[in-house]
Amino acid sequence: MEAHNVEPLTTPEMKNRGNIELLDRALQQGDASTVAKLVASDVEWWFHGPHNCQHMMRLLTGEPPSQVSFKFEPSSVQVVVPGHGCVIAEGWEGSQVYWVHVWKLKDGVVTELREYFNTWITVTDYSRGAIGWDMGRCTVWESVPRDLARGSLPSLLLAI
């Protein structure tokens, strides 16, 4: 009988994406025990946007969802570069606020969150080696802001 390699049903990337989706539900439901299991106690947090938009940090530090008027409802959650532990979620609050969360996970636990409001994000992977004039730059993800795309958004390049 011939042996066949069987692909695992859950890859680390699928687990990371699932953990971010689980984290989102736990935050919306105020499930602090699940949040504590999914987020490192020393999570590194970067924020780019107006000071009054630091809603996620308030949720992560234990403020009840009912106290935070902003609702994070991702329009997409994607693994960016397999093997890097990076998951990106983006979404809208109304028609004027666009947000992006770049989550870094290690062993299924969030170790870093980069949060951006009303900012165009381009994520590039420089680890693929020199591919041409751009010295290996490979765009792996780019913002998809709906209505705000017609206006002017500041643009950031995130290198991983």
N, C-alpha and C. Protein backbone atom coordinates (compact mmCIF):
# COMPACT_ATOMS: atom_id res chain seq x y z
N MET A 1 0.84 -1.17 0.00
CA MET A 1 0.00 0.00 0.00
C MET A 1 0.89 1.24 0.00
N GLU A 2 0.57 2.19 -0.83
CA GLU A 2 1.37 3.39 -0.99
C GLU A 2 0.99 4.43 0.07
N ALA A 3 2.02 5.04 0.70
CA ALA A 3 1.77 6.08 1.71
C ALA A 3 1.55 7.41 1.01
N HIS A 4 0.61 8.18 1.50
CA HIS A 4 0.33 9.50 0.94
C HIS A 4 0.55 10.55 2.01
N ASN A 5 1.14 11.66 1.59
CA ASN A 5 1.27 12.79 2.51
C ASN A 5 -0.09 13.46 2.63
N VAL A 6 -0.51 13.66 3.85
CA VAL A 6 -1.80 14.29 4.08
C VAL A 6 -1.55 15.70 4.61
N GLU A 7 -2.15 16.68 3.95
CA GLU A 7 -2.02 18.06 4.40
C GLU A 7 -2.75 18.23 5.73
N PRO A 8 -2.14 18.98 6.67
CA PRO A 8 -2.84 19.22 7.92
C PRO A 8 -4.11 20.04 7.66
N LEU A 9 -5.14 19.76 8.43
CA LEU A 9 -6.40 20.48 8.25
C LEU A 9 -6.27 21.94 8.67
N THR A 10 -5.36 22.20 9.62
CA THR A 10 -5.18 23.56 10.09
C THR A 10 -3.72 23.94 10.00
N THR A 11 -3.42 24.92 9.16
CA THR A 11 -2.06 25.43 9.07
C THR A 11 -1.89 26.51 10.13
N PRO A 12 -0.65 26.88 10.46
CA PRO A 12 -0.45 27.99 11.41
C PRO A 12 -1.13 29.27 10.93
N GLU A 13 -1.13 29.51 9.63
CA GLU A 13 -1.77 30.72 9.09
C GLU A 13 -3.28 30.69 9.32
N MET A 14 -3.90 29.52 9.07
CA MET A 14 -5.35 29.39 9.30
C MET A 14 -5.66 29.58 10.78
N LYS A 15 -4.81 29.03 11.65
CA LYS A 15 -5.01 29.19 13.10
C LYS A 15 -4.90 30.65 13.49
N ASN A 16 -3.90 31.36 12.97
CA ASN A 16 -3.74 32.78 13.30
C ASN A 16 -4.94 33.60 12.85
N ARG A 17 -5.40 33.35 11.64
CA ARG A 17 -6.57 34.08 11.14
C ARG A 17 -7.79 33.76 12.02
N GLY A 18 -7.97 32.49 12.34
CA GLY A 18 -9.08 32.11 13.21
C GLY A 18 -8.98 32.74 14.58
N ASN A 19 -7.76 32.86 15.11
CA ASN A 19 -7.59 33.49 16.42
C ASN A 19 -7.94 34.98 16.38
N ILE A 20 -7.62 35.66 15.29
CA ILE A 20 -7.99 37.08 15.17
C ILE A 20 -9.51 37.21 15.06
N GLU A 21 -10.14 36.33 14.32
CA GLU A 21 -11.61 36.36 14.22
C GLU A 21 -12.24 36.05 15.59
N LEU A 22 -11.67 35.10 16.33
CA LEU A 22 -12.14 34.77 17.67
C LEU A 22 -11.93 35.96 18.61
N LEU A 23 -10.78 36.61 18.50
CA LEU A 23 -10.49 37.79 19.33
C LEU A 23 -11.51 38.89 19.07
N ASP A 24 -11.82 39.11 17.81
CA ASP A 24 -12.81 40.14 17.46
C ASP A 24 -14.16 39.85 18.12
N ARG A 25 -14.60 38.59 18.05
CA ARG A 25 -15.88 38.23 18.68
C ARG A 25 -15.80 38.39 20.20
N ALA A 26 -14.69 37.98 20.79
CA ALA A 26 -14.52 38.09 22.25
C ALA A 26 -14.54 39.54 22.69
N LEU A 27 -13.91 40.42 21.92
CA LEU A 27 -13.91 41.85 22.27
C LEU A 27 -15.32 42.43 22.19
N GLN A 28 -16.06 42.05 21.15
CA GLN A 28 -17.43 42.56 21.00
C GLN A 28 -18.36 42.06 22.10
N GLN A 29 -18.08 40.85 22.60
CA GLN A 29 -18.93 40.26 23.65
C GLN A 29 -18.43 40.56 25.06
N GLY A 30 -17.28 41.23 25.17
CA GLY A 30 -16.72 41.52 26.49
C GLY A 30 -16.19 40.28 27.19
N ASP A 31 -15.73 39.29 26.44
CA ASP A 31 -15.22 38.04 26.99
C ASP A 31 -13.74 38.21 27.34
N ALA A 32 -13.46 38.74 28.53
CA ALA A 32 -12.10 39.08 28.96
C ALA A 32 -11.19 37.86 29.05
N SER A 33 -11.72 36.70 29.45
CA SER A 33 -10.87 35.52 29.59
C SER A 33 -10.34 35.05 28.23
N THR A 34 -11.17 35.10 27.20
CA THR A 34 -10.71 34.72 25.87
C THR A 34 -9.70 35.74 25.35
N VAL A 35 -9.96 37.02 25.57
CA VAL A 35 -9.02 38.06 25.15
C VAL A 35 -7.67 37.84 25.82
N ALA A 36 -7.66 37.54 27.11
CA ALA A 36 -6.41 37.32 27.85
C ALA A 36 -5.63 36.12 27.30
N LYS A 37 -6.33 35.11 26.81
CA LYS A 37 -5.66 33.94 26.25
C LYS A 37 -5.06 34.23 24.87
N LEU A 38 -5.65 35.16 24.14
CA LEU A 38 -5.23 35.43 22.76
C LEU A 38 -4.26 36.58 22.61
N VAL A 39 -4.11 37.42 23.65
CA VAL A 39 -3.25 38.60 23.56
C VAL A 39 -2.19 38.53 24.66
N ALA A 40 -0.92 38.69 24.26
CA ALA A 40 0.17 38.68 25.24
C ALA A 40 0.01 39.84 26.21
N SER A 41 0.38 39.61 27.46
CA SER A 41 0.25 40.66 28.47
C SER A 41 1.14 41.86 28.17
N ASP A 42 2.20 41.64 27.39
CA ASP A 42 3.10 42.74 27.03
C ASP A 42 2.99 43.08 25.54
N VAL A 43 1.77 43.01 25.01
CA VAL A 43 1.55 43.28 23.59
C VAL A 43 2.13 44.64 23.22
N GLU A 44 2.80 44.70 22.07
CA GLU A 44 3.34 45.96 21.58
C GLU A 44 2.28 46.60 20.69
N TRP A 45 1.98 47.86 20.92
CA TRP A 45 0.90 48.53 20.20
C TRP A 45 1.43 49.80 19.55
N TRP A 46 1.16 49.95 18.27
CA TRP A 46 1.50 51.15 17.51
C TRP A 46 0.19 51.72 16.99
N PHE A 47 0.06 53.03 17.05
CA PHE A 47 -1.18 53.67 16.62
C PHE A 47 -0.86 54.83 15.69
N HIS A 48 -1.61 54.93 14.59
CA HIS A 48 -1.48 56.06 13.68
C HIS A 48 -2.89 56.56 13.38
N GLY A 49 -3.19 57.73 13.89
CA GLY A 49 -4.51 58.31 13.67
C GLY A 49 -4.82 59.32 14.76
N PRO A 50 -6.01 59.88 14.73
CA PRO A 50 -6.42 60.85 15.75
C PRO A 50 -6.46 60.20 17.14
N HIS A 51 -6.01 60.93 18.13
CA HIS A 51 -5.97 60.43 19.51
C HIS A 51 -7.32 59.86 19.97
N ASN A 52 -8.40 60.51 19.58
CA ASN A 52 -9.73 60.06 20.02
C ASN A 52 -10.18 58.77 19.34
N CYS A 53 -9.36 58.20 18.45
CA CYS A 53 -9.72 56.95 17.76
C CYS A 53 -9.00 55.74 18.33
N GLN A 54 -8.47 55.82 19.53
CA GLN A 54 -7.73 54.71 20.13
C GLN A 54 -8.71 53.73 20.80
N HIS A 55 -9.71 53.32 20.06
CA HIS A 55 -10.77 52.47 20.58
C HIS A 55 -10.29 51.05 20.89
N MET A 56 -9.47 50.47 20.02
CA MET A 56 -9.03 49.09 20.23
C MET A 56 -8.22 48.96 21.52
N MET A 57 -7.34 49.91 21.79
CA MET A 57 -6.54 49.81 23.02
C MET A 57 -7.45 49.86 24.24
N ARG A 58 -8.49 50.65 24.20
CA ARG A 58 -9.43 50.70 25.33
C ARG A 58 -10.09 49.34 25.51
N LEU A 59 -10.46 48.68 24.41
CA LEU A 59 -11.06 47.35 24.51
C LEU A 59 -10.04 46.32 25.04
N LEU A 60 -8.80 46.40 24.54
CA LEU A 60 -7.78 45.44 24.95
C LEU A 60 -7.37 45.60 26.42
N THR A 61 -7.53 46.79 26.95
CA THR A 61 -7.15 47.02 28.35
C THR A 61 -8.32 46.84 29.30
N GLY A 62 -9.43 46.36 28.79
CA GLY A 62 -10.52 45.95 29.67
C GLY A 62 -11.72 46.86 29.76
N GLU A 63 -11.77 47.93 28.97
CA GLU A 63 -12.96 48.77 29.00
C GLU A 63 -14.11 47.99 28.38
N PRO A 64 -15.26 47.96 29.03
CA PRO A 64 -16.39 47.18 28.49
C PRO A 64 -16.82 47.68 27.11
N PRO A 65 -17.21 46.75 26.21
CA PRO A 65 -17.64 47.15 24.86
C PRO A 65 -18.74 48.20 24.89
N SER A 66 -19.59 48.16 25.90
CA SER A 66 -20.68 49.14 25.98
C SER A 66 -20.16 50.55 26.22
N GLN A 67 -18.93 50.68 26.73
CA GLN A 67 -18.32 51.99 26.98
C GLN A 67 -17.60 52.54 25.74
N VAL A 68 -17.35 51.66 24.77
CA VAL A 68 -16.65 52.06 23.54
C VAL A 68 -17.69 52.16 22.44
N SER A 69 -17.90 53.38 21.95
CA SER A 69 -18.96 53.59 20.96
C SER A 69 -18.58 53.06 19.58
N PHE A 70 -17.31 52.87 19.30
CA PHE A 70 -16.84 52.42 18.00
C PHE A 70 -17.03 50.91 17.88
N LYS A 71 -17.52 50.44 16.76
CA LYS A 71 -17.71 49.01 16.51
C LYS A 71 -16.74 48.54 15.43
N PHE A 72 -15.83 47.65 15.80
CA PHE A 72 -14.92 47.06 14.83
C PHE A 72 -15.61 45.87 14.19
N GLU A 73 -16.00 46.03 12.95
CA GLU A 73 -16.61 44.95 12.19
C GLU A 73 -15.81 44.80 10.90
N PRO A 74 -14.83 43.89 10.90
CA PRO A 74 -13.94 43.77 9.74
C PRO A 74 -14.69 43.40 8.46
N SER A 75 -14.32 44.06 7.37
CA SER A 75 -14.84 43.66 6.06
C SER A 75 -13.97 42.55 5.49
N SER A 76 -12.72 42.44 5.97
CA SER A 76 -11.85 41.34 5.57
C SER A 76 -10.81 41.07 6.64
N VAL A 77 -10.43 39.80 6.75
CA VAL A 77 -9.34 39.36 7.63
C VAL A 77 -8.49 38.43 6.78
N GLN A 78 -7.20 38.78 6.61
CA GLN A 78 -6.34 38.03 5.70
C GLN A 78 -4.97 37.76 6.29
N VAL A 79 -4.44 36.58 6.00
CA VAL A 79 -3.04 36.28 6.29
C VAL A 79 -2.24 36.95 5.19
N VAL A 80 -1.20 37.69 5.57
CA VAL A 80 -0.46 38.46 4.58
C VAL A 80 0.68 37.65 3.98
N VAL A 81 1.63 37.25 4.78
CA VAL A 81 2.77 36.49 4.28
C VAL A 81 2.89 35.22 5.12
N PRO A 82 2.63 34.07 4.53
CA PRO A 82 2.76 32.83 5.29
C PRO A 82 4.12 32.72 5.96
N GLY A 83 4.11 32.28 7.22
CA GLY A 83 5.35 32.11 7.96
C GLY A 83 5.77 33.33 8.77
N HIS A 84 5.11 34.47 8.55
CA HIS A 84 5.46 35.69 9.28
C HIS A 84 4.54 35.94 10.47
N GLY A 85 3.47 35.18 10.62
CA GLY A 85 2.54 35.39 11.72
C GLY A 85 1.82 36.71 11.65
N CYS A 86 1.54 37.17 10.44
CA CYS A 86 0.94 38.49 10.25
C CYS A 86 -0.46 38.34 9.64
N VAL A 87 -1.44 38.93 10.33
CA VAL A 87 -2.83 38.91 9.87
C VAL A 87 -3.31 40.36 9.81
N ILE A 88 -3.97 40.72 8.72
CA ILE A 88 -4.49 42.08 8.56
C ILE A 88 -6.01 42.04 8.52
N ALA A 89 -6.61 42.94 9.30
CA ALA A 89 -8.06 43.13 9.27
C ALA A 89 -8.31 44.59 8.89
N GLU A 90 -9.33 44.81 8.08
CA GLU A 90 -9.69 46.18 7.73
C GLU A 90 -11.20 46.31 7.74
N GLY A 91 -11.67 47.53 7.94
CA GLY A 91 -13.10 47.74 7.96
C GLY A 91 -13.47 49.21 8.01
N TRP A 92 -14.75 49.43 8.18
CA TRP A 92 -15.33 50.77 8.15
C TRP A 92 -16.20 50.99 9.37
N GLU A 93 -16.27 52.21 9.79
CA GLU A 93 -17.27 52.65 10.76
C GLU A 93 -17.96 53.82 10.08
N GLY A 94 -19.15 53.59 9.61
CA GLY A 94 -19.85 54.62 8.85
C GLY A 94 -19.17 54.83 7.50
N SER A 95 -19.36 56.00 6.93
CA SER A 95 -18.80 56.26 5.60
C SER A 95 -17.52 57.08 5.65
N GLN A 96 -17.11 57.55 6.82
CA GLN A 96 -15.96 58.44 6.89
C GLN A 96 -14.75 57.88 7.62
N VAL A 97 -14.86 56.71 8.25
CA VAL A 97 -13.74 56.17 9.02
C VAL A 97 -13.34 54.81 8.47
N TYR A 98 -12.11 54.73 8.03
CA TYR A 98 -11.52 53.49 7.51
C TYR A 98 -10.41 53.09 8.47
N TRP A 99 -10.35 51.81 8.85
CA TRP A 99 -9.31 51.37 9.78
C TRP A 99 -8.64 50.10 9.28
N VAL A 100 -7.37 49.94 9.68
CA VAL A 100 -6.59 48.75 9.37
C VAL A 100 -5.89 48.31 10.65
N HIS A 101 -5.97 47.02 10.94
CA HIS A 101 -5.22 46.42 12.05
C HIS A 101 -4.24 45.42 11.48
N VAL A 102 -2.98 45.56 11.83
CA VAL A 102 -1.95 44.60 11.44
C VAL A 102 -1.56 43.87 12.73
N TRP A 103 -1.96 42.61 12.80
CA TRP A 103 -1.73 41.78 13.99
C TRP A 103 -0.54 40.87 13.73
N LYS A 104 0.41 40.82 14.66
CA LYS A 104 1.51 39.86 14.59
C LYS A 104 1.27 38.84 15.70
N LEU A 105 1.37 37.56 15.34
CA LEU A 105 1.13 36.49 16.30
C LEU A 105 2.35 35.57 16.39
N LYS A 106 2.56 35.06 17.58
CA LYS A 106 3.59 34.05 17.80
C LYS A 106 2.93 32.93 18.57
N ASP A 107 2.99 31.72 18.02
CA ASP A 107 2.35 30.56 18.63
C ASP A 107 0.86 30.81 18.90
N GLY A 108 0.20 31.55 17.99
CA GLY A 108 -1.23 31.79 18.09
C GLY A 108 -1.63 32.91 19.03
N VAL A 109 -0.65 33.61 19.62
CA VAL A 109 -0.93 34.69 20.57
C VAL A 109 -0.48 36.01 19.96
N VAL A 110 -1.31 37.05 20.09
CA VAL A 110 -0.99 38.37 19.55
C VAL A 110 0.15 38.98 20.37
N THR A 111 1.23 39.32 19.68
CA THR A 111 2.37 39.98 20.33
C THR A 111 2.50 41.44 19.92
N GLU A 112 1.87 41.80 18.79
CA GLU A 112 1.97 43.17 18.31
C GLU A 112 0.71 43.55 17.55
N LEU A 113 0.28 44.79 17.73
CA LEU A 113 -0.83 45.35 16.98
C LEU A 113 -0.41 46.71 16.45
N ARG A 114 -0.54 46.87 15.15
CA ARG A 114 -0.36 48.18 14.53
C ARG A 114 -1.73 48.61 14.02
N GLU A 115 -2.16 49.77 14.49
CA GLU A 115 -3.52 50.23 14.21
C GLU A 115 -3.46 51.54 13.44
N TYR A 116 -4.22 51.62 12.34
CA TYR A 116 -4.20 52.79 11.48
C TYR A 116 -5.63 53.25 11.20
N PHE A 117 -5.86 54.55 11.29
CA PHE A 117 -7.16 55.13 10.97
C PHE A 117 -7.01 56.09 9.80
N ASN A 118 -7.90 55.95 8.81
CA ASN A 118 -7.94 56.82 7.63
C ASN A 118 -6.55 56.98 7.02
N THR A 119 -5.89 55.86 6.82
CA THR A 119 -4.54 55.83 6.27
C THR A 119 -4.46 54.73 5.23
N TRP A 120 -3.87 55.04 4.08
CA TRP A 120 -3.65 54.06 3.03
C TRP A 120 -2.40 53.27 3.40
N ILE A 121 -2.51 51.95 3.47
CA ILE A 121 -1.40 51.10 3.87
C ILE A 121 -0.99 50.21 2.71
N THR A 122 0.31 50.14 2.47
CA THR A 122 0.88 49.18 1.54
C THR A 122 1.87 48.34 2.33
N VAL A 123 1.68 47.03 2.33
CA VAL A 123 2.57 46.11 3.05
C VAL A 123 3.47 45.44 2.02
N THR A 124 4.77 45.49 2.29
CA THR A 124 5.73 44.86 1.38
C THR A 124 6.59 43.86 2.12
N ASP A 125 7.04 42.86 1.40
CA ASP A 125 7.90 41.82 1.94
C ASP A 125 9.26 41.95 1.25
N TYR A 126 10.27 42.31 2.02
CA TYR A 126 11.61 42.48 1.48
C TYR A 126 12.45 41.21 1.63
N SER A 127 11.89 40.16 2.18
CA SER A 127 12.67 38.95 2.45
C SER A 127 12.78 38.02 1.24
N ARG A 128 12.19 38.36 0.15
CA ARG A 128 12.19 37.46 -1.02
C ARG A 128 13.43 37.59 -1.89
N GLY A 129 14.37 38.45 -1.49
CA GLY A 129 15.60 38.60 -2.25
C GLY A 129 15.44 39.60 -3.38
N ALA A 130 16.55 39.94 -4.00
CA ALA A 130 16.55 40.93 -5.08
C ALA A 130 15.79 40.39 -6.29
N ILE A 131 14.75 41.12 -6.69
CA ILE A 131 13.93 40.69 -7.83
C ILE A 131 14.08 41.66 -8.99
N GLY A 132 14.75 42.75 -8.80
CA GLY A 132 14.87 43.73 -9.88
C GLY A 132 15.26 45.07 -9.32
N TRP A 133 14.83 46.11 -9.99
CA TRP A 133 15.23 47.46 -9.63
C TRP A 133 14.82 47.84 -8.21
N ASP A 134 13.77 47.23 -7.69
CA ASP A 134 13.28 47.62 -6.37
C ASP A 134 13.93 46.82 -5.25
N MET A 135 15.00 46.07 -5.55
CA MET A 135 15.78 45.33 -4.55
C MET A 135 14.94 44.33 -3.76
N GLY A 136 14.01 43.72 -4.40
CA GLY A 136 13.25 42.66 -3.75
C GLY A 136 11.93 43.07 -3.17
N ARG A 137 11.56 44.31 -3.31
CA ARG A 137 10.27 44.75 -2.76
C ARG A 137 9.14 44.01 -3.46
N CYS A 138 8.27 43.44 -2.67
CA CYS A 138 7.13 42.71 -3.21
C CYS A 138 5.89 43.13 -2.42
N THR A 139 4.96 43.81 -3.07
CA THR A 139 3.74 44.22 -2.38
C THR A 139 2.89 42.98 -2.11
N VAL A 140 2.53 42.78 -0.84
CA VAL A 140 1.74 41.61 -0.46
C VAL A 140 0.33 41.98 -0.01
N TRP A 141 0.09 43.26 0.27
CA TRP A 141 -1.24 43.69 0.67
C TRP A 141 -1.34 45.19 0.49
N GLU A 142 -2.53 45.65 0.11
CA GLU A 142 -2.75 47.08 -0.03
C GLU A 142 -4.17 47.42 0.41
N SER A 143 -4.31 48.59 1.03
CA SER A 143 -5.61 49.04 1.50
C SER A 143 -6.65 49.05 0.40
N VAL A 144 -7.90 48.87 0.81
CA VAL A 144 -9.02 48.96 -0.11
C VAL A 144 -10.09 49.87 0.51
N PRO A 145 -9.75 51.15 0.70
CA PRO A 145 -10.75 52.05 1.28
C PRO A 145 -11.80 52.42 0.23
N ARG A 146 -13.05 52.22 0.56
CA ARG A 146 -14.14 52.44 -0.39
C ARG A 146 -14.27 53.92 -0.75
N ASP A 147 -15.13 54.62 -0.09
CA ASP A 147 -15.46 56.00 -0.44
C ASP A 147 -14.30 56.97 -0.23
N LEU A 148 -13.46 56.72 0.76
CA LEU A 148 -12.37 57.64 1.03
C LEU A 148 -11.30 57.61 -0.04
N ALA A 149 -11.31 56.59 -0.90
CA ALA A 149 -10.29 56.49 -1.95
C ALA A 149 -10.37 57.68 -2.90
N ARG A 150 -11.54 58.28 -3.01
CA ARG A 150 -11.69 59.44 -3.89
C ARG A 150 -11.06 60.68 -3.28
N GLY A 151 -10.91 60.68 -1.97
CA GLY A 151 -10.29 61.80 -1.27
C GLY A 151 -8.81 61.58 -1.13
N SER A 152 -8.24 62.26 -0.18
CA SER A 152 -6.81 62.16 0.03
C SER A 152 -6.55 61.49 1.38
N LEU A 153 -5.87 60.34 1.34
CA LEU A 153 -5.48 59.65 2.56
C LEU A 153 -3.97 59.67 2.68
N PRO A 154 -3.44 59.87 3.89
CA PRO A 154 -2.00 59.72 4.03
C PRO A 154 -1.63 58.29 3.73
N SER A 155 -0.44 58.08 3.21
CA SER A 155 -0.02 56.76 2.78
C SER A 155 1.19 56.32 3.57
N LEU A 156 1.18 55.06 4.03
CA LEU A 156 2.31 54.50 4.75
C LEU A 156 2.73 53.19 4.10
N LEU A 157 4.02 52.93 4.14
CA LEU A 157 4.59 51.68 3.66
C LEU A 157 5.02 50.89 4.88
N LEU A 158 4.51 49.69 5.03
CA LEU A 158 4.86 48.81 6.14
C LEU A 158 5.69 47.67 5.58
N ALA A 159 6.94 47.59 6.01
CA ALA A 159 7.85 46.54 5.53
C ALA A 159 7.89 45.40 6.52
N ILE A 160 7.76 44.18 6.01
CA ILE A 160 7.85 43.00 6.88
C ILE A 160 8.91 42.07 6.35
